């Protein structure tokens, strides 16, 4: 499997082949609107604004598996993101990132870059994966890693 093997659903309910992002650097994040890390939306939007013209795509995947912190519908999530954080990067349908119903794209991300001590499970909202231009998962970041702290890694990935 590779990045281009997957289709995901946009927050508007449309099928999105990830092959459309071939040659881009992706920052894939499981997000939630009622989390202590929700303020990271501002930093993610800032990265999007700064680096989109150079090939970065920030991708937000709402998930309600951690403390029921994303209880809303896709339309309410999108409204929240657009009004509270002026999000313009692509947002996708609410998904499961862990368990039997985890979407295949997230299964692939987790197996490509396991977390601490080799565990694949996502531990909380705002876990981030940096994917290079050739579709390889470069690094996995913890929820506590702020978007701002990823700037050098993004610069490096964009330079390849």
N, C-alpha and C. Protein backbone atom coordinates (compact mmCIF):
# COMPACT_ATOMS: atom_id res chain seq x y z
N UNK A 1 0.84 -1.19 0.00
CA UNK A 1 0.00 0.00 0.00
C UNK A 1 0.88 1.25 0.00
N UNK A 2 0.35 2.28 -0.63
CA UNK A 2 1.03 3.57 -0.62
C UNK A 2 -0.04 4.65 -0.47
N UNK A 3 0.40 5.86 -0.24
CA UNK A 3 -0.50 6.99 -0.06
C UNK A 3 -1.54 7.05 -1.18
N UNK A 4 -1.10 6.86 -2.39
CA UNK A 4 -2.00 7.01 -3.54
C UNK A 4 -3.02 5.88 -3.65
N UNK A 5 -2.93 4.87 -2.80
CA UNK A 5 -3.88 3.75 -2.81
C UNK A 5 -5.21 4.10 -2.14
N UNK A 6 -5.25 5.20 -1.40
CA UNK A 6 -6.39 5.47 -0.53
C UNK A 6 -7.33 6.53 -1.08
N UNK A 7 -8.59 6.36 -0.73
CA UNK A 7 -9.62 7.37 -0.93
C UNK A 7 -10.16 7.69 0.46
N UNK A 8 -10.41 8.97 0.71
CA UNK A 8 -11.01 9.40 1.96
C UNK A 8 -12.25 10.22 1.62
N UNK A 9 -13.05 10.51 2.62
CA UNK A 9 -14.26 11.29 2.39
C UNK A 9 -14.05 12.70 2.93
N UNK A 10 -14.36 13.70 2.11
CA UNK A 10 -14.25 15.09 2.56
C UNK A 10 -15.34 15.37 3.60
N UNK A 11 -15.20 16.48 4.27
CA UNK A 11 -16.19 16.86 5.28
C UNK A 11 -17.54 17.18 4.63
N UNK A 12 -17.52 17.42 3.31
CA UNK A 12 -18.76 17.65 2.57
C UNK A 12 -19.35 16.33 2.05
N UNK A 13 -18.67 15.19 2.32
CA UNK A 13 -19.20 13.89 1.95
C UNK A 13 -18.77 13.36 0.59
N UNK A 14 -17.83 14.02 -0.04
CA UNK A 14 -17.36 13.59 -1.36
C UNK A 14 -16.14 12.69 -1.23
N UNK A 15 -16.00 11.75 -2.14
CA UNK A 15 -14.82 10.88 -2.15
C UNK A 15 -13.62 11.67 -2.66
N UNK A 16 -12.49 11.54 -1.96
CA UNK A 16 -11.27 12.26 -2.32
C UNK A 16 -10.13 11.27 -2.47
N UNK A 17 -9.69 11.01 -3.71
CA UNK A 17 -8.52 10.14 -3.87
C UNK A 17 -7.26 10.85 -3.38
N UNK A 18 -6.48 10.18 -2.55
CA UNK A 18 -5.26 10.81 -2.06
C UNK A 18 -4.20 10.92 -3.15
N UNK A 19 -4.42 10.25 -4.27
CA UNK A 19 -3.51 10.42 -5.41
C UNK A 19 -3.53 11.87 -5.90
N UNK A 20 -4.60 12.62 -5.57
CA UNK A 20 -4.66 14.04 -5.92
C UNK A 20 -3.57 14.85 -5.22
N UNK A 21 -3.01 14.29 -4.15
CA UNK A 21 -1.98 15.00 -3.38
C UNK A 21 -0.57 14.48 -3.67
N UNK A 22 -0.44 13.67 -4.71
CA UNK A 22 0.87 13.14 -5.08
C UNK A 22 1.84 14.30 -5.33
N UNK A 23 3.05 14.19 -4.79
CA UNK A 23 4.05 15.23 -4.94
C UNK A 23 3.96 16.35 -3.93
N UNK A 24 2.97 16.28 -3.04
CA UNK A 24 2.82 17.29 -1.99
C UNK A 24 3.40 16.75 -0.68
N UNK A 25 3.67 17.64 0.25
CA UNK A 25 4.02 17.28 1.63
C UNK A 25 2.73 17.42 2.42
N UNK A 26 2.38 16.37 3.17
CA UNK A 26 1.13 16.37 3.92
C UNK A 26 1.41 16.42 5.42
N UNK A 27 0.61 17.18 6.13
CA UNK A 27 0.60 17.15 7.58
C UNK A 27 -0.81 16.70 7.96
N UNK A 28 -0.93 15.44 8.38
CA UNK A 28 -2.21 14.78 8.65
C UNK A 28 -2.45 14.81 10.16
N UNK A 29 -3.60 15.34 10.57
CA UNK A 29 -3.87 15.55 11.99
C UNK A 29 -5.28 15.09 12.34
N UNK A 30 -5.41 14.27 13.39
CA UNK A 30 -6.74 13.96 13.91
C UNK A 30 -7.12 15.07 14.89
N UNK A 31 -8.22 15.74 14.60
CA UNK A 31 -8.59 16.97 15.30
C UNK A 31 -9.89 16.79 16.09
N UNK A 32 -10.11 17.72 17.03
CA UNK A 32 -11.33 17.74 17.82
C UNK A 32 -11.58 19.18 18.29
N UNK A 33 -12.84 19.57 18.34
CA UNK A 33 -13.17 20.97 18.64
C UNK A 33 -13.36 21.26 20.12
N UNK A 34 -13.37 20.23 20.97
CA UNK A 34 -13.58 20.46 22.40
C UNK A 34 -12.44 19.86 23.23
N UNK A 35 -11.24 20.00 22.73
CA UNK A 35 -10.04 19.40 23.33
C UNK A 35 -9.14 20.50 23.86
N UNK A 36 -8.32 20.17 24.83
CA UNK A 36 -7.34 21.12 25.33
C UNK A 36 -6.34 21.56 24.27
N UNK A 37 -6.20 20.77 23.22
CA UNK A 37 -5.28 21.10 22.13
C UNK A 37 -5.96 21.80 20.96
N UNK A 38 -7.26 22.08 21.06
CA UNK A 38 -8.02 22.67 19.95
C UNK A 38 -7.39 23.96 19.45
N UNK A 39 -6.75 24.71 20.32
CA UNK A 39 -6.08 25.95 19.91
C UNK A 39 -5.01 25.72 18.85
N UNK A 40 -4.58 24.47 18.67
CA UNK A 40 -3.59 24.18 17.63
C UNK A 40 -4.14 24.42 16.23
N UNK A 41 -5.47 24.52 16.09
CA UNK A 41 -6.03 24.89 14.78
C UNK A 41 -5.39 26.17 14.26
N UNK A 42 -5.13 27.14 15.14
CA UNK A 42 -4.53 28.41 14.72
C UNK A 42 -3.14 28.17 14.13
N UNK A 43 -2.36 27.36 14.79
CA UNK A 43 -1.02 27.06 14.28
C UNK A 43 -1.05 26.25 13.00
N UNK A 44 -1.99 25.32 12.89
CA UNK A 44 -2.13 24.54 11.65
C UNK A 44 -2.52 25.45 10.49
N UNK A 45 -3.44 26.38 10.75
CA UNK A 45 -3.84 27.33 9.70
C UNK A 45 -2.66 28.21 9.30
N UNK A 46 -1.87 28.62 10.28
CA UNK A 46 -0.69 29.43 9.99
C UNK A 46 0.30 28.67 9.10
N UNK A 47 0.54 27.39 9.41
CA UNK A 47 1.42 26.58 8.56
C UNK A 47 0.85 26.47 7.15
N UNK A 48 -0.45 26.26 7.06
CA UNK A 48 -1.11 26.16 5.75
C UNK A 48 -0.89 27.44 4.95
N UNK A 49 -1.13 28.57 5.57
CA UNK A 49 -0.98 29.85 4.88
C UNK A 49 0.46 30.08 4.45
N UNK A 50 1.40 29.73 5.30
CA UNK A 50 2.80 29.99 5.01
C UNK A 50 3.38 29.06 3.96
N UNK A 51 2.98 27.80 3.95
CA UNK A 51 3.66 26.81 3.13
C UNK A 51 2.84 26.20 2.00
N UNK A 52 1.57 26.51 1.89
CA UNK A 52 0.74 25.89 0.83
C UNK A 52 1.30 26.16 -0.56
N UNK A 53 1.79 27.35 -0.78
CA UNK A 53 2.30 27.70 -2.11
C UNK A 53 3.56 26.90 -2.46
N UNK A 54 4.21 26.34 -1.45
CA UNK A 54 5.41 25.52 -1.67
C UNK A 54 5.09 24.03 -1.69
N UNK A 55 3.81 23.67 -1.46
CA UNK A 55 3.43 22.27 -1.59
C UNK A 55 2.97 21.58 -0.33
N UNK A 56 2.79 22.30 0.78
CA UNK A 56 2.28 21.68 2.00
C UNK A 56 0.76 21.64 1.96
N UNK A 57 0.20 20.50 2.36
CA UNK A 57 -1.24 20.38 2.54
C UNK A 57 -1.48 19.90 3.98
N UNK A 58 -2.11 20.74 4.79
CA UNK A 58 -2.55 20.34 6.12
C UNK A 58 -3.89 19.66 5.93
N UNK A 59 -4.08 18.51 6.58
CA UNK A 59 -5.31 17.73 6.43
C UNK A 59 -5.89 17.46 7.80
N UNK A 60 -7.10 17.93 8.06
CA UNK A 60 -7.75 17.72 9.34
C UNK A 60 -8.78 16.61 9.27
N UNK A 61 -8.63 15.62 10.17
CA UNK A 61 -9.56 14.49 10.26
C UNK A 61 -10.22 14.49 11.64
N UNK A 62 -11.44 15.03 11.75
CA UNK A 62 -12.12 15.02 13.04
C UNK A 62 -12.32 13.60 13.55
N UNK A 63 -12.18 13.44 14.86
CA UNK A 63 -12.30 12.13 15.49
C UNK A 63 -12.92 12.32 16.88
N UNK A 64 -13.87 11.45 17.21
CA UNK A 64 -14.57 11.55 18.49
C UNK A 64 -14.21 10.40 19.43
N UNK A 65 -13.05 9.78 19.23
CA UNK A 65 -12.67 8.61 20.02
C UNK A 65 -11.98 8.94 21.34
N UNK A 66 -11.69 10.20 21.57
CA UNK A 66 -10.93 10.57 22.77
C UNK A 66 -11.74 11.53 23.62
N UNK A 67 -12.35 11.01 24.67
CA UNK A 67 -13.09 11.84 25.61
C UNK A 67 -14.33 12.50 25.03
N UNK A 68 -14.87 11.97 23.93
CA UNK A 68 -16.06 12.53 23.29
C UNK A 68 -15.88 14.02 23.04
N UNK A 69 -14.70 14.39 22.50
CA UNK A 69 -14.35 15.79 22.31
C UNK A 69 -14.65 16.31 20.91
N UNK A 70 -15.26 15.47 20.08
CA UNK A 70 -15.72 15.91 18.76
C UNK A 70 -17.12 15.36 18.52
N UNK A 71 -18.11 15.83 19.32
CA UNK A 71 -19.45 15.23 19.27
C UNK A 71 -20.31 15.70 18.10
N UNK A 72 -19.94 16.78 17.45
CA UNK A 72 -20.81 17.39 16.45
C UNK A 72 -20.85 16.67 15.11
N UNK A 73 -21.75 17.15 14.26
CA UNK A 73 -21.86 16.67 12.88
C UNK A 73 -20.75 17.30 12.04
N UNK A 74 -20.56 16.77 10.85
CA UNK A 74 -19.56 17.35 9.96
C UNK A 74 -19.85 18.83 9.69
N UNK A 75 -21.12 19.17 9.47
CA UNK A 75 -21.43 20.58 9.17
C UNK A 75 -21.13 21.48 10.37
N UNK A 76 -21.42 21.01 11.58
CA UNK A 76 -21.12 21.85 12.76
C UNK A 76 -19.61 21.94 12.99
N UNK A 77 -18.88 20.87 12.69
CA UNK A 77 -17.42 20.90 12.82
C UNK A 77 -16.83 21.92 11.84
N UNK A 78 -17.29 21.86 10.59
CA UNK A 78 -16.79 22.79 9.58
C UNK A 78 -17.11 24.23 9.95
N UNK A 79 -18.31 24.48 10.40
CA UNK A 79 -18.69 25.83 10.81
C UNK A 79 -17.79 26.31 11.95
N UNK A 80 -17.57 25.45 12.94
CA UNK A 80 -16.68 25.80 14.07
C UNK A 80 -15.28 26.17 13.55
N UNK A 81 -14.72 25.32 12.70
CA UNK A 81 -13.36 25.56 12.20
C UNK A 81 -13.25 26.85 11.40
N UNK A 82 -14.25 27.10 10.57
CA UNK A 82 -14.22 28.29 9.72
C UNK A 82 -14.46 29.56 10.52
N UNK A 83 -15.36 29.52 11.50
CA UNK A 83 -15.68 30.75 12.23
C UNK A 83 -14.70 31.02 13.37
N UNK A 84 -14.28 29.99 14.08
CA UNK A 84 -13.40 30.19 15.23
C UNK A 84 -11.92 30.32 14.86
N UNK A 85 -11.50 29.59 13.82
CA UNK A 85 -10.07 29.55 13.48
C UNK A 85 -9.77 29.92 12.04
N UNK A 86 -10.80 30.29 11.28
CA UNK A 86 -10.63 30.70 9.87
C UNK A 86 -9.90 29.64 9.06
N UNK A 87 -10.19 28.37 9.35
CA UNK A 87 -9.53 27.25 8.69
C UNK A 87 -9.88 27.23 7.20
N UNK A 88 -8.85 27.14 6.37
CA UNK A 88 -9.04 27.02 4.93
C UNK A 88 -8.36 25.75 4.38
N UNK A 89 -7.65 25.03 5.23
CA UNK A 89 -7.03 23.78 4.76
C UNK A 89 -8.11 22.70 4.68
N UNK A 90 -7.85 21.62 3.91
CA UNK A 90 -8.87 20.59 3.72
C UNK A 90 -9.26 19.88 5.02
N UNK A 91 -10.55 19.77 5.21
CA UNK A 91 -11.11 19.03 6.33
C UNK A 91 -11.85 17.82 5.77
N UNK A 92 -11.83 16.74 6.53
CA UNK A 92 -12.39 15.48 6.07
C UNK A 92 -13.48 15.01 7.02
N UNK A 93 -14.20 13.98 6.60
CA UNK A 93 -15.29 13.44 7.40
C UNK A 93 -14.77 12.91 8.73
N UNK A 94 -15.64 12.93 9.73
CA UNK A 94 -15.29 12.40 11.05
C UNK A 94 -15.02 10.90 10.92
N UNK A 95 -13.91 10.47 11.52
CA UNK A 95 -13.46 9.09 11.36
C UNK A 95 -13.07 8.48 12.70
N UNK A 96 -12.87 7.17 12.68
CA UNK A 96 -12.18 6.47 13.76
C UNK A 96 -10.74 6.28 13.33
N UNK A 97 -9.82 6.54 14.24
CA UNK A 97 -8.39 6.35 13.96
C UNK A 97 -7.85 5.09 14.62
N UNK A 98 -8.60 4.56 15.57
CA UNK A 98 -8.22 3.34 16.29
C UNK A 98 -9.35 2.32 16.22
N UNK A 99 -9.01 1.07 16.52
CA UNK A 99 -10.02 0.03 16.63
C UNK A 99 -10.44 -0.58 15.31
N UNK A 100 -11.47 -1.40 15.39
CA UNK A 100 -11.94 -2.17 14.23
C UNK A 100 -12.46 -1.29 13.11
N UNK A 101 -12.93 -0.09 13.44
CA UNK A 101 -13.49 0.80 12.42
C UNK A 101 -12.52 1.90 11.97
N UNK A 102 -11.26 1.77 12.34
CA UNK A 102 -10.26 2.75 11.89
C UNK A 102 -10.20 2.74 10.36
N UNK A 103 -10.19 3.93 9.78
CA UNK A 103 -10.14 4.01 8.32
C UNK A 103 -8.79 3.47 7.82
N UNK A 104 -8.78 2.85 6.65
CA UNK A 104 -7.54 2.25 6.12
C UNK A 104 -6.38 3.24 6.02
N UNK A 105 -6.64 4.49 5.66
CA UNK A 105 -5.58 5.48 5.57
C UNK A 105 -4.86 5.63 6.90
N UNK A 106 -5.62 5.69 8.00
CA UNK A 106 -5.01 5.81 9.32
C UNK A 106 -4.32 4.52 9.75
N UNK A 107 -4.84 3.39 9.36
CA UNK A 107 -4.16 2.12 9.65
C UNK A 107 -2.78 2.13 9.00
N UNK A 108 -2.72 2.61 7.78
CA UNK A 108 -1.45 2.69 7.05
C UNK A 108 -0.49 3.69 7.72
N UNK A 109 -0.98 4.88 8.08
CA UNK A 109 -0.14 5.87 8.75
C UNK A 109 0.47 5.28 10.02
N UNK A 110 -0.38 4.66 10.84
CA UNK A 110 0.07 4.13 12.14
C UNK A 110 1.07 3.00 11.97
N UNK A 111 0.86 2.13 11.00
CA UNK A 111 1.80 1.02 10.80
C UNK A 111 3.11 1.52 10.19
N UNK A 112 3.04 2.60 9.43
CA UNK A 112 4.25 3.17 8.82
C UNK A 112 5.15 3.85 9.85
N UNK A 113 4.54 4.50 10.83
CA UNK A 113 5.29 5.20 11.89
C UNK A 113 4.63 4.95 13.23
N UNK A 114 4.96 3.81 13.85
CA UNK A 114 4.42 3.54 15.18
C UNK A 114 4.89 4.60 16.18
N UNK A 115 4.17 4.68 17.26
CA UNK A 115 4.51 5.64 18.31
C UNK A 115 5.51 5.08 19.29
N UNK A 116 5.49 5.66 20.48
CA UNK A 116 6.40 5.30 21.56
C UNK A 116 6.35 3.80 21.85
N UNK A 117 7.51 3.20 21.96
CA UNK A 117 7.66 1.78 22.26
C UNK A 117 6.99 0.88 21.22
N UNK A 118 6.83 1.39 19.99
CA UNK A 118 6.30 0.59 18.90
C UNK A 118 4.80 0.46 18.86
N UNK A 119 4.09 1.13 19.75
CA UNK A 119 2.63 1.03 19.72
C UNK A 119 2.08 1.80 18.53
N UNK A 120 1.09 1.22 17.88
CA UNK A 120 0.50 1.87 16.72
C UNK A 120 -0.67 2.77 17.08
N UNK A 121 -1.34 2.50 18.18
CA UNK A 121 -2.55 3.24 18.53
C UNK A 121 -2.28 4.74 18.66
N UNK A 122 -3.24 5.52 18.18
CA UNK A 122 -3.22 6.96 18.40
C UNK A 122 -3.65 7.17 19.86
N UNK A 123 -2.90 7.98 20.59
CA UNK A 123 -3.17 8.16 22.02
C UNK A 123 -4.15 9.28 22.32
N UNK A 124 -4.23 10.31 21.44
CA UNK A 124 -5.10 11.43 21.73
C UNK A 124 -5.29 12.28 20.49
N UNK A 125 -6.16 13.27 20.60
CA UNK A 125 -6.39 14.24 19.52
C UNK A 125 -5.11 15.01 19.21
N UNK A 126 -5.01 15.45 17.98
CA UNK A 126 -3.91 16.28 17.49
C UNK A 126 -2.58 15.54 17.41
N UNK A 127 -2.65 14.21 17.21
CA UNK A 127 -1.47 13.46 16.79
C UNK A 127 -1.25 13.82 15.33
N UNK A 128 0.00 14.01 14.94
CA UNK A 128 0.31 14.50 13.60
C UNK A 128 1.25 13.54 12.88
N UNK A 129 1.03 13.40 11.57
CA UNK A 129 1.92 12.62 10.71
C UNK A 129 2.39 13.52 9.58
N UNK A 130 3.70 13.55 9.35
CA UNK A 130 4.28 14.29 8.25
C UNK A 130 4.60 13.30 7.14
N UNK A 131 4.03 13.52 5.97
CA UNK A 131 4.20 12.63 4.82
C UNK A 131 4.95 13.39 3.74
N UNK A 132 6.02 12.78 3.22
CA UNK A 132 6.86 13.42 2.22
C UNK A 132 6.26 13.40 0.82
N UNK A 133 6.93 14.11 -0.08
CA UNK A 133 6.45 14.26 -1.46
C UNK A 133 6.33 12.93 -2.19
N UNK A 134 7.12 11.94 -1.79
CA UNK A 134 7.07 10.62 -2.45
C UNK A 134 6.08 9.68 -1.76
N UNK A 135 5.27 10.22 -0.83
CA UNK A 135 4.24 9.43 -0.19
C UNK A 135 4.71 8.61 0.99
N UNK A 136 5.92 8.86 1.48
CA UNK A 136 6.45 8.13 2.62
C UNK A 136 6.14 8.88 3.92
N UNK A 137 5.77 8.13 4.96
CA UNK A 137 5.52 8.76 6.26
C UNK A 137 6.87 9.07 6.88
N UNK A 138 7.16 10.35 7.05
CA UNK A 138 8.47 10.79 7.55
C UNK A 138 8.55 10.74 9.07
N UNK A 139 7.48 11.20 9.74
CA UNK A 139 7.55 11.30 11.19
C UNK A 139 6.15 11.37 11.77
N UNK A 140 6.06 10.90 13.00
CA UNK A 140 4.83 10.96 13.78
C UNK A 140 5.11 11.89 14.96
N UNK A 141 4.16 12.78 15.24
CA UNK A 141 4.33 13.75 16.32
C UNK A 141 3.21 13.59 17.34
N UNK A 142 3.56 13.81 18.59
CA UNK A 142 2.61 13.72 19.70
C UNK A 142 1.68 14.94 19.70
N UNK A 143 0.54 14.81 20.36
CA UNK A 143 -0.38 15.96 20.49
C UNK A 143 0.29 17.19 21.12
N UNK A 144 1.25 16.96 22.00
CA UNK A 144 1.92 18.07 22.67
C UNK A 144 2.91 18.79 21.76
N UNK A 145 3.27 18.20 20.62
CA UNK A 145 4.13 18.88 19.65
C UNK A 145 3.28 19.92 18.92
N UNK A 146 3.61 21.18 19.12
CA UNK A 146 2.80 22.25 18.52
C UNK A 146 3.09 22.35 17.02
N UNK A 147 2.13 22.88 16.27
CA UNK A 147 2.40 23.09 14.85
C UNK A 147 3.65 23.93 14.61
N UNK A 148 3.87 24.94 15.43
CA UNK A 148 5.04 25.81 15.28
C UNK A 148 6.35 25.02 15.41
N UNK A 149 6.34 24.00 16.26
CA UNK A 149 7.56 23.22 16.47
C UNK A 149 7.91 22.33 15.28
N UNK A 150 7.00 22.22 14.31
CA UNK A 150 7.23 21.37 13.14
C UNK A 150 7.81 22.13 11.95
N UNK A 151 7.99 23.42 12.09
CA UNK A 151 8.42 24.25 10.95
C UNK A 151 9.69 23.72 10.29
N UNK A 152 10.72 23.39 11.06
CA UNK A 152 11.98 22.94 10.44
C UNK A 152 11.78 21.63 9.69
N UNK A 153 11.04 20.70 10.28
CA UNK A 153 10.78 19.42 9.61
C UNK A 153 9.99 19.63 8.33
N UNK A 154 9.05 20.57 8.34
CA UNK A 154 8.27 20.88 7.14
C UNK A 154 9.18 21.50 6.09
N UNK A 155 10.00 22.46 6.50
CA UNK A 155 10.97 23.08 5.57
C UNK A 155 11.84 22.00 4.92
N UNK A 156 12.35 21.09 5.75
CA UNK A 156 13.21 20.01 5.24
C UNK A 156 12.47 19.14 4.25
N UNK A 157 11.22 18.78 4.56
CA UNK A 157 10.42 17.92 3.67
C UNK A 157 10.11 18.64 2.36
N UNK A 158 9.83 19.93 2.44
CA UNK A 158 9.54 20.69 1.23
C UNK A 158 10.76 20.84 0.33
N UNK A 159 11.95 20.78 0.92
CA UNK A 159 13.18 20.95 0.15
C UNK A 159 13.55 19.69 -0.64
N UNK A 160 12.95 18.55 -0.30
CA UNK A 160 13.29 17.30 -0.99
C UNK A 160 12.60 17.20 -2.34
